[in-house]
């Protein structure tokens, strides 16, 4: 049986540059560090 192969199209194109170090990621990282790094009293 011959099946029609669809060309794979990624959600984010390969030529798009996405920043990994943003203000949102820093804020979320600080909040998670506080929540998970807090020692119980």
PDB file of N, CA and C in Angstrom:
ATOM      1  N   UNK A   1       0.834  -1.185   0.000  1.00  0.00           N
ATOM      2  CA  UNK A   1       0.000   0.000   0.000  1.00  0.00           C
ATOM      3  C   UNK A   1       0.880   1.251   0.000  1.00  0.00           C
ATOM      4  N   UNK A   2       0.622   2.104  -0.910  1.00  0.00           N
ATOM      5  CA  UNK A   2       1.382   3.345  -0.986  1.00  0.00           C
ATOM      6  C   UNK A   2       0.704   4.403  -0.123  1.00  0.00           C
ATOM      7  N   UNK A   3       1.462   4.912   0.849  1.00  0.00           N
ATOM      8  CA  UNK A   3       0.918   5.953   1.714  1.00  0.00           C
ATOM      9  C   UNK A   3       1.528   7.294   1.340  1.00  0.00           C
ATOM     10  N   UNK A   4       0.743   8.318   1.423  1.00  0.00           N
ATOM     11  CA  UNK A   4       1.229   9.662   1.130  1.00  0.00           C
ATOM     12  C   UNK A   4       1.965  10.184   2.357  1.00  0.00           C
ATOM     13  N   UNK A   5       3.243  10.513   2.188  1.00  0.00           N
ATOM     14  CA  UNK A   5       4.025  11.030   3.305  1.00  0.00           C
ATOM     15  C   UNK A   5       3.887  12.544   3.349  1.00  0.00           C
ATOM     16  N   UNK A   6       3.526  13.035   4.513  1.00  0.00           N
ATOM     17  CA  UNK A   6       3.422  14.470   4.692  1.00  0.00           C
ATOM     18  C   UNK A   6       4.776  15.019   5.124  1.00  0.00           C
ATOM     19  N   UNK A   7       5.121  16.185   4.619  1.00  0.00           N
ATOM     20  CA  UNK A   7       6.383  16.815   4.991  1.00  0.00           C
ATOM     21  C   UNK A   7       6.263  17.336   6.413  1.00  0.00           C
ATOM     22  N   UNK A   8       7.273  17.047   7.229  1.00  0.00           N
ATOM     23  CA  UNK A   8       7.270  17.492   8.622  1.00  0.00           C
ATOM     24  C   UNK A   8       7.482  19.000   8.683  1.00  0.00           C
ATOM     25  N   UNK A   9       6.574  19.687   9.348  1.00  0.00           N
ATOM     26  CA  UNK A   9       6.684  21.139   9.502  1.00  0.00           C
ATOM     27  C   UNK A   9       6.708  21.444  10.999  1.00  0.00           C
ATOM     28  N   UNK A  10       7.859  21.854  11.543  1.00  0.00           N
ATOM     29  CA  UNK A  10       7.941  22.115  12.977  1.00  0.00           C
ATOM     30  C   UNK A  10       7.133  23.347  13.374  1.00  0.00           C
ATOM     31  N   UNK A  11       6.725  23.393  14.626  1.00  0.00           N
ATOM     32  CA  UNK A  11       5.951  24.522  15.140  1.00  0.00           C
ATOM     33  C   UNK A  11       6.778  25.803  15.110  1.00  0.00           C
ATOM     34  N   UNK A  12       8.047  25.713  15.519  1.00  0.00           N
ATOM     35  CA  UNK A  12       8.962  26.851  15.475  1.00  0.00           C
ATOM     36  C   UNK A  12       9.971  26.575  14.364  1.00  0.00           C
ATOM     37  N   UNK A  13      10.080  27.465  13.386  1.00  0.00           N
ATOM     38  CA  UNK A  13      11.026  27.240  12.288  1.00  0.00           C
ATOM     39  C   UNK A  13      12.471  27.184  12.784  1.00  0.00           C
ATOM     40  N   UNK A  14      13.303  26.446  12.045  1.00  0.00           N
ATOM     41  CA  UNK A  14      14.693  26.264  12.451  1.00  0.00           C
ATOM     42  C   UNK A  14      15.494  27.560  12.357  1.00  0.00           C
ATOM     43  N   UNK A  15      15.085  28.469  11.481  1.00  0.00           N
ATOM     44  CA  UNK A  15      15.854  29.697  11.321  1.00  0.00           C
ATOM     45  C   UNK A  15      15.468  30.792  12.318  1.00  0.00           C
ATOM     46  N   UNK A  16      14.461  30.555  13.145  1.00  0.00           N
ATOM     47  CA  UNK A  16      14.048  31.552  14.137  1.00  0.00           C
ATOM     48  C   UNK A  16      14.918  31.428  15.383  1.00  0.00           C
ATOM     49  N   UNK A  17      15.452  32.549  15.834  1.00  0.00           N
ATOM     50  CA  UNK A  17      16.288  32.566  17.037  1.00  0.00           C
ATOM     51  C   UNK A  17      15.409  32.952  18.224  1.00  0.00           C
ATOM     52  N   UNK A  18      15.314  32.053  19.198  1.00  0.00           N
ATOM     53  CA  UNK A  18      14.499  32.320  20.378  1.00  0.00           C
ATOM     54  C   UNK A  18      15.408  32.565  21.579  1.00  0.00           C
ATOM     55  N   UNK A  19      15.162  33.633  22.335  1.00  0.00           N
ATOM     56  CA  UNK A  19      15.988  33.909  23.500  1.00  0.00           C
ATOM     57  C   UNK A  19      15.710  32.903  24.624  1.00  0.00           C
ATOM     58  N   UNK A  20      16.751  32.475  25.306  1.00  0.00           N
ATOM     59  CA  UNK A  20      16.589  31.532  26.408  1.00  0.00           C
ATOM     60  C   UNK A  20      16.735  32.223  27.759  1.00  0.00           C
ATOM     61  N   UNK A  21      17.404  33.375  27.781  1.00  0.00           N
ATOM     62  CA  UNK A  21      17.638  34.101  29.022  1.00  0.00           C
ATOM     63  C   UNK A  21      16.788  35.361  28.985  1.00  0.00           C
ATOM     64  N   UNK A  22      15.589  35.283  29.563  1.00  0.00           N
ATOM     65  CA  UNK A  22      14.667  36.411  29.549  1.00  0.00           C
ATOM     66  C   UNK A  22      14.302  36.805  30.975  1.00  0.00           C
ATOM     67  N   UNK A  23      13.673  37.957  31.111  1.00  0.00           N
ATOM     68  CA  UNK A  23      13.256  38.422  32.437  1.00  0.00           C
ATOM     69  C   UNK A  23      12.262  37.450  33.068  1.00  0.00           C
ATOM     70  N   UNK A  24      11.372  36.907  32.257  1.00  0.00           N
ATOM     71  CA  UNK A  24      10.390  35.946  32.772  1.00  0.00           C
ATOM     72  C   UNK A  24      11.068  34.698  33.325  1.00  0.00           C
ATOM     73  N   UNK A  25      12.052  34.181  32.628  1.00  0.00           N
ATOM     74  CA  UNK A  25      12.728  32.970  33.097  1.00  0.00           C
ATOM     75  C   UNK A  25      13.521  33.248  34.370  1.00  0.00           C
ATOM     76  N   UNK A  26      14.083  34.439  34.491  1.00  0.00           N
ATOM     77  CA  UNK A  26      14.828  34.790  35.706  1.00  0.00           C
ATOM     78  C   UNK A  26      13.871  34.915  36.889  1.00  0.00           C
ATOM     79  N   UNK A  27      12.741  35.575  36.689  1.00  0.00           N
ATOM     80  CA  UNK A  27      11.774  35.759  37.782  1.00  0.00           C
ATOM     81  C   UNK A  27      11.210  34.419  38.241  1.00  0.00           C
ATOM     82  N   UNK A  28      10.835  33.579  37.291  1.00  0.00           N
ATOM     83  CA  UNK A  28      10.308  32.256  37.649  1.00  0.00           C
ATOM     84  C   UNK A  28      11.380  31.438  38.368  1.00  0.00           C
ATOM     85  N   UNK A  29      12.622  31.531  37.913  1.00  0.00           N
ATOM     86  CA  UNK A  29      13.715  30.812  38.570  1.00  0.00           C
ATOM     87  C   UNK A  29      13.942  31.270  39.996  1.00  0.00           C
ATOM     88  N   UNK A  30      13.865  32.568  40.230  1.00  0.00           N
ATOM     89  CA  UNK A  30      14.038  33.092  41.586  1.00  0.00           C
ATOM     90  C   UNK A  30      12.898  32.639  42.490  1.00  0.00           C
ATOM     91  N   UNK A  31      11.673  32.700  41.976  1.00  0.00           N
ATOM     92  CA  UNK A  31      10.516  32.263  42.782  1.00  0.00           C
ATOM     93  C   UNK A  31      10.622  30.783  43.127  1.00  0.00           C
ATOM     94  N   UNK A  32      10.988  29.958  42.147  1.00  0.00           N
ATOM     95  CA  UNK A  32      11.125  28.523  42.420  1.00  0.00           C
ATOM     96  C   UNK A  32      12.279  28.245  43.377  1.00  0.00           C
ATOM     97  N   UNK A  33      13.357  29.006  43.287  1.00  0.00           N
ATOM     98  CA  UNK A  33      14.478  28.830  44.213  1.00  0.00           C
ATOM     99  C   UNK A  33      14.053  29.157  45.643  1.00  0.00           C
ATOM    100  N   UNK A  34      13.228  30.186  45.794  1.00  0.00           N
ATOM    101  CA  UNK A  34      12.748  30.543  47.136  1.00  0.00           C
ATOM    102  C   UNK A  34      11.823  29.464  47.674  1.00  0.00           C
ATOM    103  N   UNK A  35      10.906  28.994  46.831  1.00  0.00           N
ATOM    104  CA  UNK A  35       9.928  27.994  47.277  1.00  0.00           C
ATOM    105  C   UNK A  35      10.607  26.675  47.631  1.00  0.00           C
ATOM    106  N   UNK A  36      11.476  26.187  46.760  1.00  0.00           N
ATOM    107  CA  UNK A  36      12.087  24.887  46.996  1.00  0.00           C
ATOM    108  C   UNK A  36      13.323  24.943  47.881  1.00  0.00           C
ATOM    109  N   UNK A  37      13.907  26.114  48.023  1.00  0.00           N
ATOM    110  CA  UNK A  37      15.116  26.226  48.836  1.00  0.00           C
ATOM    111  C   UNK A  37      14.866  26.608  50.272  1.00  0.00           C
ATOM    112  N   UNK A  38      13.623  26.902  50.597  1.00  0.00           N
ATOM    113  CA  UNK A  38      13.294  27.311  51.965  1.00  0.00           C
ATOM    114  C   UNK A  38      13.374  26.113  52.901  1.00  0.00           C
ATOM    115  N   UNK A  39      14.058  26.296  54.009  1.00  0.00           N
ATOM    116  CA  UNK A  39      14.179  25.198  54.976  1.00  0.00           C
ATOM    117  C   UNK A  39      13.007  25.256  55.949  1.00  0.00           C
ATOM    118  N   UNK A  40      12.447  24.115  56.277  1.00  0.00           N
ATOM    119  CA  UNK A  40      11.335  24.107  57.236  1.00  0.00           C
ATOM    120  C   UNK A  40      11.817  24.504  58.632  1.00  0.00           C
ATOM    121  N   UNK A  41      10.985  25.212  59.344  1.00  0.00           N
ATOM    122  CA  UNK A  41      11.348  25.683  60.691  1.00  0.00           C
ATOM    123  C   UNK A  41      10.833  24.709  61.731  1.00  0.00           C
TER     124      UNK A  41
END
